[in-house]
Protein backbone atom coordinates (compact mmCIF):
# COMPACT_ATOMS: atom_id res chain seq x y z
CA MET A 1 112.02 119.89 108.47
CA TYR A 2 110.48 116.44 108.24
CA ARG A 3 112.63 113.48 109.08
CA LEU A 4 111.80 109.95 108.05
CA TYR A 5 111.71 107.93 111.25
CA SER A 6 112.90 104.77 109.58
CA LYS A 7 116.06 103.72 107.86
CA PHE A 8 116.21 101.47 104.83
CA THR A 9 118.96 98.93 105.28
CA THR A 10 119.83 97.00 102.16
CA ARG A 11 123.59 96.53 102.51
CA ASN A 12 123.09 93.01 103.83
CA LEU A 13 121.21 91.91 100.73
CA SER A 14 123.29 89.75 98.46
CA LEU A 15 123.77 90.88 94.89
CA SER A 16 124.76 87.41 93.74
CA CYS A 17 121.31 86.99 92.24
CA LEU A 18 122.29 89.60 89.63
CA GLU A 19 124.91 87.26 88.33
CA SER A 20 122.43 84.50 87.45
CA GLY A 21 122.16 83.03 83.97
CA SER A 22 123.62 79.82 82.67
CA PRO A 23 126.33 79.87 79.96
CA SER A 24 124.26 77.32 78.03
CA PHE A 25 121.76 80.04 77.21
CA GLY A 26 124.40 82.37 75.85
CA HIS A 27 124.10 86.11 76.06
CA ARG A 28 120.29 85.98 75.92
CA GLY A 29 120.19 83.67 78.91
CA ASN A 30 122.50 85.99 80.80
CA ARG A 31 120.27 88.97 80.03
CA VAL A 32 117.15 87.09 81.14
CA GLY A 33 118.92 85.93 84.26
CA ARG A 34 120.11 89.45 85.07
CA ARG A 35 116.59 90.86 84.58
CA ALA A 36 115.12 88.19 86.83
CA GLY A 37 117.81 88.95 89.39
CA VAL A 38 117.04 92.67 89.27
CA VAL A 39 113.35 91.99 89.81
CA ALA A 40 114.10 89.65 92.71
CA TYR A 41 116.47 92.21 94.22
CA LEU A 42 113.88 95.00 93.97
CA PHE A 43 111.31 92.79 95.66
CA CYS A 44 113.78 92.10 98.46
CA VAL A 45 114.43 95.83 98.88
CA PHE A 46 110.69 96.55 98.95
CA PHE A 47 109.87 93.94 101.58
CA VAL A 48 112.86 94.82 103.78
CA SER A 49 111.96 98.52 103.54
CA THR A 50 108.29 97.88 104.33
CA ALA A 51 109.21 95.72 107.31
CA THR A 52 111.54 98.46 108.54
CA ILE A 53 108.80 101.08 108.21
CA HIS A 54 106.45 98.93 110.30
CA ALA A 55 109.18 98.33 112.86
CA ALA A 56 109.83 102.05 113.18
CA ASP A 57 106.48 102.53 114.91
CA SER A 58 107.70 100.57 117.92
CA THR A 59 110.89 102.64 118.37
CA HIS A 60 109.35 106.00 119.30
CA LEU A 61 108.09 106.70 122.80
CA ARG A 62 104.84 108.48 121.95
CA PRO A 63 101.87 106.52 120.61
CA VAL A 64 100.93 107.68 117.11
CA PRO A 65 97.18 107.40 116.42
CA THR A 66 95.70 105.47 113.54
CA PHE A 67 92.65 106.48 111.52
CA VAL A 68 89.43 105.20 113.12
CA ARG A 69 86.92 104.14 110.49
CA PRO A 70 83.30 105.31 110.75
CA LEU A 71 81.52 102.69 112.80
CA SER A 72 78.01 102.66 111.39
CA ALA A 73 78.69 103.79 107.79
CA PRO A 74 77.43 100.96 105.58
CA TYR A 75 80.28 101.06 103.06
CA GLU A 76 83.11 99.95 105.32
CA ALA A 77 85.14 96.74 105.12
CA ARG A 78 84.07 94.27 107.78
CA ILE A 79 82.84 90.75 108.42
CA LEU A 80 79.20 91.11 109.43
CA MET A 81 76.29 88.73 109.94
CA MET A 82 73.04 90.65 110.51
CA HIS A 83 69.46 89.40 110.83
CA GLN A 84 66.65 91.75 109.88
CA PRO A 85 63.48 90.22 111.41
CA GLY A 86 61.05 92.75 109.89
CA PRO A 87 61.66 92.19 106.15
CA GLY A 88 62.91 88.63 106.77
CA HIS A 89 66.32 89.32 105.30
CA ASN A 90 69.88 88.63 106.37
CA ARG A 91 72.89 90.73 105.51
CA LEU A 92 76.31 89.17 105.06
CA ASP A 93 79.38 91.37 104.60
CA ILE A 94 82.72 89.72 103.87
CA GLY A 95 85.89 91.74 103.52
CA ALA A 96 88.75 93.62 105.11
CA GLU A 97 90.86 96.76 104.83
CA VAL A 98 94.57 96.01 104.86
CA ASP A 99 97.46 98.47 105.12
CA ILE A 100 100.33 97.82 102.74
CA LEU A 101 102.49 100.71 103.89
CA ASP A 102 102.49 102.26 107.37
CA ASN A 103 104.98 105.07 107.78
CA VAL A 104 105.71 107.27 110.83
CA ILE A 105 107.55 110.58 110.31
CA ARG A 106 109.00 112.84 113.03
CA THR A 107 107.79 116.37 112.26
CA GLN A 108 109.11 118.59 115.06
CA THR A 109 110.44 118.71 118.61
CA ASP A 110 109.57 120.82 121.65
CA ALA A 111 112.00 123.64 122.57
CA GLY A 112 114.56 122.23 120.20
CA ILE A 113 115.07 119.09 122.30
CA ASP A 114 115.59 116.28 119.85
CA THR A 115 114.27 113.31 121.81
CA ALA A 116 111.69 110.72 120.89
CA ALA A 117 109.59 111.57 123.94
CA SER A 118 109.24 115.28 123.10
CA ALA A 119 108.82 115.01 119.33
CA GLU A 120 105.63 115.24 117.29
CA TYR A 121 104.89 112.51 114.79
CA MET A 122 102.81 112.10 111.66
CA ARG A 123 101.55 108.78 110.33
CA TRP A 124 100.41 108.02 106.81
CA THR A 125 99.27 104.70 105.48
CA PHE A 126 98.42 103.21 102.11
CA GLY A 127 96.14 100.20 101.86
CA VAL A 128 93.47 98.30 99.97
CA ASP A 129 89.90 97.38 100.77
CA PHE A 130 87.98 94.48 99.26
CA PHE A 131 84.54 93.42 100.43
CA THR A 132 81.10 92.22 99.41
CA MET A 133 77.68 93.13 100.80
CA THR A 134 75.11 90.41 100.29
CA ARG A 135 71.37 90.26 100.96
CA LEU A 136 69.87 86.86 101.71
CA ARG A 137 66.24 85.83 102.24
CA SER A 138 65.20 83.75 105.25
CA GLU A 139 63.02 80.79 104.22
CA GLY A 140 63.26 78.50 107.23
CA ASN A 141 64.93 75.08 107.49
CA PHE A 142 68.23 76.92 107.39
CA LYS A 143 67.74 78.05 103.79
CA PHE A 144 68.99 81.50 102.79
CA PRO A 145 68.67 82.19 99.04
CA VAL A 146 71.06 84.93 97.92
CA GLU A 147 69.17 87.77 96.26
CA THR A 148 71.82 90.39 95.50
CA THR A 149 75.51 91.07 96.06
CA ASP A 150 77.56 94.26 95.82
CA PHE A 151 81.29 94.07 95.12
CA TRP A 152 83.68 96.80 96.34
CA PHE A 153 87.38 97.09 95.69
CA GLY A 154 89.68 100.07 95.97
CA VAL A 155 92.70 101.73 97.54
CA ASN A 156 92.93 104.14 100.45
CA GLY A 157 95.35 106.47 102.17
CA THR A 158 95.09 107.84 105.71
CA TRP A 159 96.81 110.60 107.67
CA THR A 160 97.05 111.13 111.44
CA SER A 161 99.28 113.18 113.72
CA THR A 162 100.14 113.56 117.39
CA ALA A 163 100.05 117.36 116.95
CA THR A 164 96.33 117.59 116.11
CA PRO A 165 93.11 115.67 116.85
CA LEU A 166 92.24 115.79 113.15
CA SER A 167 92.69 112.78 110.89
CA ALA A 168 91.79 112.15 107.28
CA ARG A 169 91.24 109.37 104.75
CA LEU A 170 91.01 109.29 100.96
CA ARG A 171 89.45 106.31 99.16
CA LEU A 172 89.38 105.60 95.43
CA ALA A 173 87.08 102.71 94.68
CA HIS A 174 84.80 100.81 92.34
CA ILE A 175 81.49 99.22 93.28
CA SER A 176 79.12 97.10 91.23
CA SER A 177 75.88 95.33 92.08
CA HIS A 178 74.30 92.13 90.76
CA LEU A 179 71.10 90.16 91.13
CA VAL A 180 71.65 86.53 92.13
CA ASP A 181 69.63 83.37 91.47
CA GLY A 182 67.95 83.57 94.88
CA TYR A 183 65.87 86.45 93.55
CA ALA A 184 64.64 84.49 90.51
CA ASP A 185 61.41 82.49 90.38
CA SER A 186 61.18 78.71 90.32
CA SER A 187 61.97 78.66 86.59
CA GLY A 188 65.10 80.75 87.05
CA ARG A 189 63.67 83.97 85.57
CA PHE A 190 63.86 87.43 87.10
CA VAL A 191 60.27 88.63 87.11
CA SER A 192 59.64 91.19 89.84
CA ARG A 193 62.88 93.06 89.03
CA LEU A 194 65.16 92.70 86.06
CA PRO A 195 68.95 92.98 86.41
CA PHE A 196 70.65 96.08 84.98
CA VAL A 197 74.15 97.53 84.87
CA TYR A 198 74.99 99.20 88.19
CA SER A 199 78.56 100.45 88.44
CA ARG A 200 80.32 103.46 89.90
CA GLU A 201 83.86 104.73 90.34
CA PHE A 202 84.40 107.43 92.90
CA ALA A 203 86.60 109.30 95.32
CA GLU A 204 85.67 109.73 98.98
CA VAL A 205 87.30 112.08 101.48
CA THR A 206 86.64 111.73 105.22
CA VAL A 207 87.87 114.09 107.96
CA MET A 208 87.46 113.07 111.60
CA TYR A 209 88.01 114.92 114.88
CA ASP A 210 89.04 113.03 118.00
CA PHE A 211 87.36 114.07 121.26
CA ALA A 212 88.68 110.92 122.99
CA ASN A 213 85.38 109.08 123.56
CA VAL A 214 83.51 110.76 120.68
CA ARG A 215 84.74 111.14 117.10
CA PRO A 216 82.56 113.19 114.77
CA TYR A 217 83.34 113.19 111.06
CA VAL A 218 82.34 114.72 107.73
CA ALA A 219 82.78 113.11 104.34
CA LEU A 220 82.10 113.80 100.69
CA THR A 221 81.88 111.30 97.84
CA TYR A 222 82.31 112.32 94.20
CA LEU A 223 81.15 109.90 91.51
CA TRP A 224 83.20 110.46 88.37
CA ALA A 225 81.68 107.48 86.53
CA VAL A 226 78.28 106.01 87.25
CA GLN A 227 75.72 103.75 85.60
CA PRO A 228 72.81 104.24 85.37
CA ARG A 229 73.20 108.00 85.11
CA ILE A 230 70.31 108.82 87.39
CA PHE A 231 72.38 109.43 90.54
CA ASP A 232 73.68 112.79 91.71
CA ARG A 233 77.47 112.88 91.60
CA LEU A 234 78.02 114.37 95.06
CA ILE A 235 77.06 112.50 98.27
CA PRO A 236 77.61 114.50 101.49
CA GLN A 237 77.92 112.55 104.72
CA ILE A 238 78.23 113.26 108.44
CA GLY A 239 78.36 111.03 111.48
CA ALA A 240 80.06 110.17 114.74
CA ASN A 241 81.58 107.26 116.65
CA ALA A 242 81.43 106.93 120.44
CA GLN A 243 83.03 104.38 122.74
CA ILE A 244 83.24 103.99 126.52
CA ASP A 245 85.38 101.31 128.17
CA LEU A 246 83.36 99.26 130.65
CA THR A 247 86.26 97.01 131.66
CA SER A 248 89.76 96.45 130.40
CA ALA A 249 88.38 93.94 127.91
CA LEU A 250 84.84 95.19 127.12
CA ALA A 251 83.54 98.47 125.72
CA LEU A 252 80.19 100.03 124.91
CA ARG A 253 80.15 101.55 121.43
CA ALA A 254 77.65 103.50 119.32
CA GLY A 255 77.58 105.24 115.99
CA VAL A 256 75.40 107.25 113.67
CA ASP A 257 75.85 107.96 109.97
CA LEU A 258 73.82 110.26 107.70
CA ARG A 259 74.13 110.43 103.92
CA TRP A 260 72.22 112.51 101.38
CA ILE A 261 71.58 110.58 98.16
CA GLY A 262 70.11 112.17 95.04
CA ILE A 263 68.29 110.38 92.22
CA HIS A 264 66.95 112.43 89.31
CA GLY A 265 67.73 115.56 91.34
CA HIS A 266 65.53 114.47 94.25
CA THR A 267 67.60 114.09 97.43
CA THR A 268 66.69 111.96 100.44
CA MET A 269 68.59 111.15 103.61
CA ALA A 270 69.77 107.65 104.53
CA SER A 271 70.46 107.16 108.24
CA THR A 272 72.23 104.33 110.01
CA ALA A 273 72.55 103.94 113.79
CA GLN A 274 73.95 101.21 115.95
CA ILE A 275 74.80 100.47 119.58
CA GLY A 276 76.43 97.45 121.13
CA LEU A 277 79.36 95.85 122.90
CA CYS A 278 82.81 95.12 121.52
CA THR A 279 86.05 93.56 122.62
CA SER A 280 89.54 93.49 121.12
CA ALA A 281 90.33 89.94 120.13
CA THR A 282 93.86 90.95 119.09
CA ALA A 283 95.77 94.21 118.74
CA SER A 284 94.20 94.77 115.30
CA THR A 285 90.93 92.79 115.48
CA THR A 286 87.66 93.87 117.12
CA VAL A 287 84.64 91.63 117.69
CA GLY A 288 81.24 93.23 118.32
CA LEU A 289 77.56 92.49 118.89
CA ASP A 290 75.27 95.36 117.91
CA LEU A 291 71.69 96.51 117.46
CA TYR A 292 71.15 98.35 114.15
CA ARG A 293 68.56 100.71 112.69
CA TYR A 294 68.45 101.71 109.02
CA ASP A 295 66.16 104.14 107.17
CA GLY A 296 66.70 105.32 103.62
CA ARG A 297 67.53 104.15 100.14
CA SER A 298 68.81 100.61 99.95
CA ILE A 299 72.56 100.14 100.27
CA HIS A 300 72.37 97.51 97.51
CA GLY A 301 72.73 98.91 94.01
CA MET A 302 70.07 96.68 92.44
CA PHE A 303 67.51 98.24 94.81
CA ALA A 304 69.04 101.72 95.14
CA ASP A 305 65.81 103.38 93.95
CA LEU A 306 63.82 101.70 96.75
CA SER A 307 63.78 102.53 100.47
CA ASP A 308 64.52 100.19 103.35
CA HIS A 309 63.38 100.54 106.95
CA TYR A 310 64.45 97.87 109.41
CA TRP A 311 65.93 96.90 112.74
CA GLY A 312 68.74 94.40 112.78
CA ILE A 313 70.99 92.54 115.20
CA GLY A 314 74.41 91.41 114.10
CA ALA A 315 77.83 90.14 115.02
CA SER A 316 80.85 91.69 113.35
CA VAL A 317 84.61 91.33 113.07
CA THR A 318 86.74 94.24 111.89
CA PHE A 319 90.47 94.25 111.15
């Protein structure tokens, strides 16, 4: 039997807010005041409950793992500044993935001994991710005209457990892409490539296996709405993360990500690889400096029918 390893405590919340409403407003004012009080009370319950759920993680004696995001997969929330010397481009990613709910549940105990040290735990989270991926052109004199930007927003849920090295994540998201004025000519017209509607809504499932220093994963994306309708609806994906601690504060990390993207029924592979150093700035923030290699269809929707091949060096911050 599953037991929620947190307790919602609301008895200390005052219900006086339910009695709001001035007599000068009559019965209508009282009803409005009561409704506002109910809303305020529910918000108080929600925030107290959420805070209690987060606090529950610190009460058990066994560390409960969190889902580790694919390191080199291009569509992950991060802050990234990358220079691509070959094509003379720069990539700027701005965004973050934030957990709204983080819940730890005790699932079973060993030999019937009901102690925190012997129990198994399961963690599930619910969060949001918002980020942009922008391509800029290097022109010298510290000028970087913005050529295209992709906008991503969505929700996600993750699952991990102390009883198994498997973990999983589900994302539901929307992404759209846009040409920007840095791609236009001197008169402000788009000549070499015209803007078009690029939009997709999709579900992505990722399953990862933890071998301690190496974490392979498989993923599948299903596009249930897409414009233009030239893209295959299924995108398989495999990859792996690897990390070795060099010191207590510095680690060597590497990653590879492979995706198979189909356009008009013709499928090609897009590969991303990176290697670099990282350090934990805080308990939830990682700063890294990495060397990147990318080969395959452009990650930017406005150029999704074209292929990119480049080396890059970049600094990143992930939350």
